[in-house]
Amino acid sequence: MTEEIHIPKPERIPFFQRMLDNPFLLLFIGVAMPTVFYVLWGVMEVATIPIAK
């Protein structure tokens, strides 16, 4: 008469939910992404300046 007690395993939290729950990671992404885009935009602008005669 032994009854087995089934303890449910805790569900694995999906990666994107863990990422979106981390405010410091979101802050880093929110600062890093515009910085990278503006730097790339600046490099492209400088590269398109015609060479002086």
PDB file of N, CA and C in Angstrom:
ATOM      1  N   MET A   1       0.821  -1.187   0.000  1.00  0.00           N
ATOM      2  CA  MET A   1       0.000   0.000   0.000  1.00  0.00           C
ATOM      3  C   MET A   1       0.867   1.253   0.000  1.00  0.00           C
ATOM      4  N   THR A   2       1.827   1.246  -0.815  1.00  0.00           N
ATOM      5  CA  THR A   2       2.643   2.450  -0.904  1.00  0.00           C
ATOM      6  C   THR A   2       2.125   3.304  -2.045  1.00  0.00           C
ATOM      7  N   GLU A   3       1.830   4.504  -1.709  1.00  0.00           N
ATOM      8  CA  GLU A   3       1.360   5.444  -2.717  1.00  0.00           C
ATOM      9  C   GLU A   3       2.517   6.345  -3.104  1.00  0.00           C
ATOM     10  N   GLU A   4       2.745   6.435  -4.397  1.00  0.00           N
ATOM     11  CA  GLU A   4       3.830   7.295  -4.863  1.00  0.00           C
ATOM     12  C   GLU A   4       3.319   8.725  -4.977  1.00  0.00           C
ATOM     13  N   ILE A   5       4.082   9.618  -4.415  1.00  0.00           N
ATOM     14  CA  ILE A   5       3.740  11.031  -4.509  1.00  0.00           C
ATOM     15  C   ILE A   5       4.529  11.616  -5.666  1.00  0.00           C
ATOM     16  N   HIS A   6       3.814  12.126  -6.646  1.00  0.00           N
ATOM     17  CA  HIS A   6       4.466  12.699  -7.818  1.00  0.00           C
ATOM     18  C   HIS A   6       4.651  14.197  -7.605  1.00  0.00           C
ATOM     19  N   ILE A   7       5.885  14.589  -7.488  1.00  0.00           N
ATOM     20  CA  ILE A   7       6.203  16.011  -7.361  1.00  0.00           C
ATOM     21  C   ILE A   7       6.479  16.530  -8.766  1.00  0.00           C
ATOM     22  N   PRO A   8       5.688  17.474  -9.220  1.00  0.00           N
ATOM     23  CA  PRO A   8       5.917  17.964 -10.588  1.00  0.00           C
ATOM     24  C   PRO A   8       7.234  18.731 -10.681  1.00  0.00           C
ATOM     25  N   LYS A   9       7.918  18.520 -11.807  1.00  0.00           N
ATOM     26  CA  LYS A   9       9.154  19.254 -12.036  1.00  0.00           C
ATOM     27  C   LYS A   9       8.811  20.711 -12.320  1.00  0.00           C
ATOM     28  N   PRO A  10       9.635  21.629 -11.844  1.00  0.00           N
ATOM     29  CA  PRO A  10       9.377  23.036 -12.190  1.00  0.00           C
ATOM     30  C   PRO A  10       9.592  23.241 -13.682  1.00  0.00           C
ATOM     31  N   GLU A  11       8.701  24.013 -14.287  1.00  0.00           N
ATOM     32  CA  GLU A  11       8.800  24.257 -15.720  1.00  0.00           C
ATOM     33  C   GLU A  11      10.037  25.090 -16.030  1.00  0.00           C
ATOM     34  N   ARG A  12      10.648  24.781 -17.159  1.00  0.00           N
ATOM     35  CA  ARG A  12      11.821  25.539 -17.601  1.00  0.00           C
ATOM     36  C   ARG A  12      11.346  26.848 -18.200  1.00  0.00           C
ATOM     37  N   ILE A  13      11.909  27.959 -17.719  1.00  0.00           N
ATOM     38  CA  ILE A  13      11.523  29.280 -18.201  1.00  0.00           C
ATOM     39  C   ILE A  13      12.168  29.510 -19.561  1.00  0.00           C
ATOM     40  N   PRO A  14      11.377  29.919 -20.566  1.00  0.00           N
ATOM     41  CA  PRO A  14      11.948  30.137 -21.902  1.00  0.00           C
ATOM     42  C   PRO A  14      13.011  31.226 -21.895  1.00  0.00           C
ATOM     43  N   PHE A  15      13.941  31.129 -22.870  1.00  0.00           N
ATOM     44  CA  PHE A  15      15.075  32.052 -22.940  1.00  0.00           C
ATOM     45  C   PHE A  15      14.625  33.502 -23.065  1.00  0.00           C
ATOM     46  N   PHE A  16      13.680  33.772 -23.982  1.00  0.00           N
ATOM     47  CA  PHE A  16      13.272  35.153 -24.216  1.00  0.00           C
ATOM     48  C   PHE A  16      12.552  35.745 -23.008  1.00  0.00           C
ATOM     49  N   GLN A  17      11.837  34.919 -22.252  1.00  0.00           N
ATOM     50  CA  GLN A  17      11.196  35.429 -21.040  1.00  0.00           C
ATOM     51  C   GLN A  17      12.244  35.791 -19.998  1.00  0.00           C
ATOM     52  N   ARG A  18      13.278  34.942 -19.863  1.00  0.00           N
ATOM     53  CA  ARG A  18      14.358  35.276 -18.933  1.00  0.00           C
ATOM     54  C   ARG A  18      15.083  36.541 -19.367  1.00  0.00           C
ATOM     55  N   MET A  19      15.262  36.713 -20.693  1.00  0.00           N
ATOM     56  CA  MET A  19      15.958  37.896 -21.201  1.00  0.00           C
ATOM     57  C   MET A  19      15.127  39.152 -20.937  1.00  0.00           C
ATOM     58  N   LEU A  20      13.831  39.083 -21.191  1.00  0.00           N
ATOM     59  CA  LEU A  20      12.985  40.259 -21.015  1.00  0.00           C
ATOM     60  C   LEU A  20      12.718  40.571 -19.540  1.00  0.00           C
ATOM     61  N   ASP A  21      12.963  39.626 -18.658  1.00  0.00           N
ATOM     62  CA  ASP A  21      12.796  39.868 -17.225  1.00  0.00           C
ATOM     63  C   ASP A  21      14.034  40.490 -16.588  1.00  0.00           C
ATOM     64  N   ASN A  22      15.115  40.631 -17.341  1.00  0.00           N
ATOM     65  CA  ASN A  22      16.366  41.177 -16.814  1.00  0.00           C
ATOM     66  C   ASN A  22      16.471  42.666 -17.192  1.00  0.00           C
ATOM     67  N   PRO A  23      16.211  43.590 -16.244  1.00  0.00           N
ATOM     68  CA  PRO A  23      16.224  45.011 -16.600  1.00  0.00           C
ATOM     69  C   PRO A  23      17.603  45.534 -16.984  1.00  0.00           C
ATOM     70  N   PHE A  24      18.669  44.984 -16.427  1.00  0.00           N
ATOM     71  CA  PHE A  24      20.011  45.465 -16.763  1.00  0.00           C
ATOM     72  C   PHE A  24      20.399  45.058 -18.179  1.00  0.00           C
ATOM     73  N   LEU A  25      19.996  43.877 -18.592  1.00  0.00           N
ATOM     74  CA  LEU A  25      20.254  43.458 -19.970  1.00  0.00           C
ATOM     75  C   LEU A  25      19.474  44.334 -20.946  1.00  0.00           C
ATOM     76  N   LEU A  26      18.228  44.647 -20.612  1.00  0.00           N
ATOM     77  CA  LEU A  26      17.437  45.531 -21.471  1.00  0.00           C
ATOM     78  C   LEU A  26      18.045  46.922 -21.535  1.00  0.00           C
ATOM     79  N   LEU A  27      18.555  47.423 -20.413  1.00  0.00           N
ATOM     80  CA  LEU A  27      19.214  48.724 -20.398  1.00  0.00           C
ATOM     81  C   LEU A  27      20.458  48.698 -21.283  1.00  0.00           C
ATOM     82  N   PHE A  28      21.257  47.647 -21.162  1.00  0.00           N
ATOM     83  CA  PHE A  28      22.456  47.529 -21.986  1.00  0.00           C
ATOM     84  C   PHE A  28      22.109  47.484 -23.472  1.00  0.00           C
ATOM     85  N   ILE A  29      21.115  46.688 -23.820  1.00  0.00           N
ATOM     86  CA  ILE A  29      20.702  46.590 -25.227  1.00  0.00           C
ATOM     87  C   ILE A  29      20.161  47.932 -25.708  1.00  0.00           C
ATOM     88  N   GLY A  30      19.401  48.624 -24.855  1.00  0.00           N
ATOM     89  CA  GLY A  30      18.830  49.913 -25.227  1.00  0.00           C
ATOM     90  C   GLY A  30      19.876  50.998 -25.424  1.00  0.00           C
ATOM     91  N   VAL A  31      21.021  50.876 -24.800  1.00  0.00           N
ATOM     92  CA  VAL A  31      22.101  51.851 -24.979  1.00  0.00           C
ATOM     93  C   VAL A  31      23.045  51.409 -26.092  1.00  0.00           C
ATOM     94  N   ALA A  32      23.334  50.121 -26.157  1.00  0.00           N
ATOM     95  CA  ALA A  32      24.319  49.620 -27.116  1.00  0.00           C
ATOM     96  C   ALA A  32      23.809  49.647 -28.555  1.00  0.00           C
ATOM     97  N   MET A  33      22.566  49.284 -28.775  1.00  0.00           N
ATOM     98  CA  MET A  33      22.044  49.219 -30.153  1.00  0.00           C
ATOM     99  C   MET A  33      22.075  50.582 -30.844  1.00  0.00           C
ATOM    100  N   PRO A  34      21.525  51.646 -30.256  1.00  0.00           N
ATOM    101  CA  PRO A  34      21.612  52.945 -30.930  1.00  0.00           C
ATOM    102  C   PRO A  34      23.057  53.414 -31.120  1.00  0.00           C
ATOM    103  N   THR A  35      23.919  53.119 -30.153  1.00  0.00           N
ATOM    104  CA  THR A  35      25.316  53.520 -30.274  1.00  0.00           C
ATOM    105  C   THR A  35      25.962  52.851 -31.485  1.00  0.00           C
ATOM    106  N   VAL A  36      25.749  51.575 -31.640  1.00  0.00           N
ATOM    107  CA  VAL A  36      26.326  50.855 -32.777  1.00  0.00           C
ATOM    108  C   VAL A  36      25.765  51.397 -34.086  1.00  0.00           C
ATOM    109  N   PHE A  37      24.455  51.634 -34.140  1.00  0.00           N
ATOM    110  CA  PHE A  37      23.855  52.141 -35.374  1.00  0.00           C
ATOM    111  C   PHE A  37      24.363  53.534 -35.721  1.00  0.00           C
ATOM    112  N   TYR A  38      24.486  54.413 -34.729  1.00  0.00           N
ATOM    113  CA  TYR A  38      24.984  55.762 -35.000  1.00  0.00           C
ATOM    114  C   TYR A  38      26.451  55.743 -35.424  1.00  0.00           C
ATOM    115  N   VAL A  39      27.251  54.876 -34.840  1.00  0.00           N
ATOM    116  CA  VAL A  39      28.652  54.776 -35.243  1.00  0.00           C
ATOM    117  C   VAL A  39      28.738  54.276 -36.686  1.00  0.00           C
ATOM    118  N   LEU A  40      27.970  53.252 -37.023  1.00  0.00           N
ATOM    119  CA  LEU A  40      27.969  52.750 -38.396  1.00  0.00           C
ATOM    120  C   LEU A  40      27.471  53.819 -39.375  1.00  0.00           C
ATOM    121  N   TRP A  41      26.438  54.546 -38.983  1.00  0.00           N
ATOM    122  CA  TRP A  41      25.913  55.618 -39.824  1.00  0.00           C
ATOM    123  C   TRP A  41      26.988  56.692 -40.039  1.00  0.00           C
ATOM    124  N   GLY A  42      27.707  57.058 -38.995  1.00  0.00           N
ATOM    125  CA  GLY A  42      28.774  58.046 -39.105  1.00  0.00           C
ATOM    126  C   GLY A  42      29.900  57.575 -40.001  1.00  0.00           C
ATOM    127  N   VAL A  43      30.278  56.325 -39.892  1.00  0.00           N
ATOM    128  CA  VAL A  43      31.335  55.778 -40.751  1.00  0.00           C
ATOM    129  C   VAL A  43      30.892  55.796 -42.209  1.00  0.00           C
ATOM    130  N   MET A  44      29.632  55.452 -42.468  1.00  0.00           N
ATOM    131  CA  MET A  44      29.136  55.479 -43.844  1.00  0.00           C
ATOM    132  C   MET A  44      29.091  56.909 -44.378  1.00  0.00           C
ATOM    133  N   GLU A  45      28.722  57.875 -43.552  1.00  0.00           N
ATOM    134  CA  GLU A  45      28.693  59.275 -43.974  1.00  0.00           C
ATOM    135  C   GLU A  45      30.102  59.769 -44.312  1.00  0.00           C
ATOM    136  N   VAL A  46      31.069  59.444 -43.471  1.00  0.00           N
ATOM    137  CA  VAL A  46      32.448  59.874 -43.710  1.00  0.00           C
ATOM    138  C   VAL A  46      32.995  59.192 -44.965  1.00  0.00           C
ATOM    139  N   ALA A  47      32.616  57.950 -45.183  1.00  0.00           N
ATOM    140  CA  ALA A  47      33.118  57.221 -46.357  1.00  0.00           C
ATOM    141  C   ALA A  47      32.549  57.775 -47.656  1.00  0.00           C
ATOM    142  N   THR A  48      31.397  58.436 -47.608  1.00  0.00           N
ATOM    143  CA  THR A  48      30.774  58.948 -48.840  1.00  0.00           C
ATOM    144  C   THR A  48      31.194  60.387 -49.155  1.00  0.00           C
ATOM    145  N   ILE A  49      31.993  61.030 -48.297  1.00  0.00           N
ATOM    146  CA  ILE A  49      32.462  62.389 -48.563  1.00  0.00           C
ATOM    147  C   ILE A  49      33.463  62.327 -49.720  1.00  0.00           C
ATOM    148  N   PRO A  50      33.253  63.137 -50.740  1.00  0.00           N
ATOM    149  CA  PRO A  50      34.207  63.089 -51.866  1.00  0.00           C
ATOM    150  C   PRO A  50      35.569  63.642 -51.470  1.00  0.00           C
ATOM    151  N   ILE A  51      36.602  63.115 -52.096  1.00  0.00           N
ATOM    152  CA  ILE A  51      37.974  63.521 -51.806  1.00  0.00           C
ATOM    153  C   ILE A  51      38.206  64.900 -52.445  1.00  0.00           C
ATOM    154  N   ALA A  52      38.828  65.830 -51.681  1.00  0.00           N
ATOM    155  CA  ALA A  52      39.097  67.171 -52.177  1.00  0.00           C
ATOM    156  C   ALA A  52      40.193  67.132 -53.237  1.00  0.00           C
ATOM    157  N   LYS A  53      40.120  68.070 -54.188  1.00  0.00           N
ATOM    158  CA  LYS A  53      41.132  68.124 -55.258  1.00  0.00           C
ATOM    159  C   LYS A  53      42.367  68.864 -54.824  1.00  0.00           C
TER     160      LYS A  53
END
